[in-house]
Amino acid sequence: MILPSEIRFVEAKVKEAFYKLEIGDQSEKELFRLINQALNNLEINAFCGIQIPKRLIPKEYNVSNLWKYNLRNAWRLIYTIEGSKAVVISLILEWMNHKEYDRRFNY
């Protein structure tokens, strides 16, 4: 199913961290570009990521569904989908490298 969504960040500090990447060093600028492209794709289709099984959702997220969007260089964008059929919202929770992702999801 292809369903457009509106992009929001879970907290102001996550949004601020995202925009700080844009003015960081070269690797941070590249991560900003990768996340920005992912956000563009999520606007087109909220379901373009990979759904994480409910049993693996860390309790600290406090969400009923969780998705990951694989970025290059083993980074992951973690988000949840909220809303009704009229408005779908992709809520950005965080991004992390593969090692942090494995640790968070107990792989």
Protein backbone atom coordinates (compact mmCIF):
# COMPACT_ATOMS: atom_id res chain seq x y z
CA MET A 1 0.00 0.00 0.00
CA ILE A 2 1.30 3.47 -0.86
CA LEU A 3 0.09 6.12 1.54
CA PRO A 4 1.51 9.67 1.69
CA SER A 5 2.35 11.08 5.11
CA GLU A 6 3.25 14.27 6.88
CA ILE A 7 6.67 14.21 8.55
CA ARG A 8 7.03 15.29 12.17
CA PHE A 9 9.72 14.78 14.78
CA VAL A 10 8.80 13.21 18.10
CA GLU A 11 10.45 16.04 20.08
CA ALA A 12 11.99 19.41 19.35
CA LYS A 13 15.41 18.12 20.42
CA VAL A 14 15.29 15.40 17.72
CA LYS A 15 14.43 18.03 15.11
CA GLU A 16 17.24 20.29 16.37
CA ALA A 17 19.73 17.40 16.23
CA PHE A 18 18.67 16.71 12.65
CA TYR A 19 19.28 20.29 11.52
CA LYS A 20 22.63 20.44 13.38
CA LEU A 21 23.82 17.65 11.09
CA GLU A 22 23.49 20.04 8.14
CA ILE A 23 26.17 22.34 9.55
CA GLY A 24 28.44 19.63 10.97
CA ASP A 25 31.49 17.95 9.53
CA GLN A 26 31.45 16.13 6.20
CA SER A 27 30.13 12.83 7.62
CA GLU A 28 27.33 14.66 9.48
CA LYS A 29 26.38 16.54 6.31
CA GLU A 30 26.22 13.23 4.45
CA LEU A 31 24.00 11.75 7.18
CA PHE A 32 21.76 14.83 6.94
CA ARG A 33 21.45 14.28 3.19
CA LEU A 34 20.61 10.58 3.66
CA ILE A 35 17.99 11.28 6.33
CA ASN A 36 16.51 14.10 4.26
CA GLN A 37 16.12 11.74 1.28
CA ALA A 38 14.47 9.18 3.57
CA LEU A 39 12.05 11.85 4.83
CA ASN A 40 11.16 12.72 1.24
CA ASN A 41 10.45 9.04 0.56
CA LEU A 42 8.34 8.75 3.73
CA GLU A 43 6.26 11.75 2.60
CA ILE A 44 5.46 9.84 -0.58
CA ASN A 45 4.87 6.50 1.15
CA ALA A 46 4.79 6.08 4.94
CA PHE A 47 5.14 2.32 4.50
CA CYS A 48 8.37 2.37 2.49
CA GLY A 49 10.39 1.23 5.52
CA ILE A 50 10.51 -2.20 7.13
CA GLN A 51 8.07 -2.91 9.95
CA ILE A 52 9.70 -4.11 13.16
CA PRO A 53 7.84 -6.99 14.86
CA LYS A 54 5.82 -5.81 17.86
CA ARG A 55 7.69 -8.15 20.22
CA LEU A 56 10.95 -6.33 19.38
CA ILE A 57 9.72 -2.78 20.01
CA PRO A 58 11.74 -1.29 22.89
CA LYS A 59 9.45 -0.14 25.71
CA GLU A 60 11.06 3.31 25.87
CA TYR A 61 9.53 4.22 22.50
CA ASN A 62 6.00 3.80 23.91
CA VAL A 63 4.48 3.20 20.45
CA SER A 64 2.20 0.53 19.02
CA ASN A 65 4.08 0.17 15.71
CA LEU A 66 7.67 0.75 14.72
CA TRP A 67 9.43 0.97 11.38
CA LYS A 68 13.02 1.25 10.27
CA TYR A 69 14.35 2.82 7.12
CA ASN A 70 17.78 1.52 6.17
CA LEU A 71 20.19 4.30 5.27
CA ARG A 72 23.60 3.85 3.67
CA ASN A 73 26.67 3.22 5.79
CA ALA A 74 24.63 0.99 8.15
CA TRP A 75 22.57 3.85 9.64
CA ARG A 76 18.90 3.31 10.54
CA LEU A 77 16.05 5.84 10.74
CA ILE A 78 13.46 4.72 13.31
CA TYR A 79 9.88 5.98 13.02
CA THR A 80 6.30 5.18 13.88
CA ILE A 81 3.13 5.76 11.89
CA GLU A 82 0.17 7.53 13.45
CA GLY A 83 -3.07 9.01 12.23
CA SER A 84 -6.25 8.08 10.47
CA LYS A 85 -6.98 7.32 6.85
CA ALA A 86 -7.43 11.05 6.24
CA VAL A 87 -4.01 12.08 7.58
CA VAL A 88 -1.03 9.81 8.07
CA ILE A 89 1.92 11.08 10.10
CA SER A 90 5.40 9.59 10.05
CA LEU A 91 6.85 10.50 13.45
CA ILE A 92 10.65 10.41 13.48
CA LEU A 93 11.98 8.93 16.71
CA GLU A 94 15.74 8.76 16.09
CA TRP A 95 18.50 7.50 13.85
CA MET A 96 21.40 5.31 14.82
CA ASN A 97 24.25 3.36 13.37
CA HIS A 98 24.01 -0.39 12.88
CA LYS A 99 25.87 -1.22 16.09
CA GLU A 100 23.53 0.94 18.17
CA TYR A 101 20.54 -0.53 16.32
CA ASP A 102 21.64 -4.09 17.15
CA ARG A 103 22.08 -3.13 20.80
CA ARG A 104 18.70 -1.35 21.05
CA PHE A 105 16.82 -4.26 19.47
CA ASN A 106 18.85 -6.98 21.21
CA TYR A 107 20.18 -8.63 18.07
